[in-house]
């Protein structure tokens, strides 16, 4: 993991087209702004992990479950 120090209003670039900017720092909370192309999905990690788990569940759905869905 790369660890960088940034101050308020400072940015860093990820590749050529993603910019991460420190917007505000209050106590132990940091507000971050992200500029990225519309085709780049950006999720909070906890939400991303939930999406991945739901995708795994959907990919391993029982054939009987799928049959009942399509018969409706």
Foldseek 3Di string as FASTA:
>chain_A
DDDDDDDAQDWDDDPDFKIKGFHDDDPPDTDIDIGGDPVDDDDDVVVVVVVVVVVVCVVPDDPVVVVVVVVD
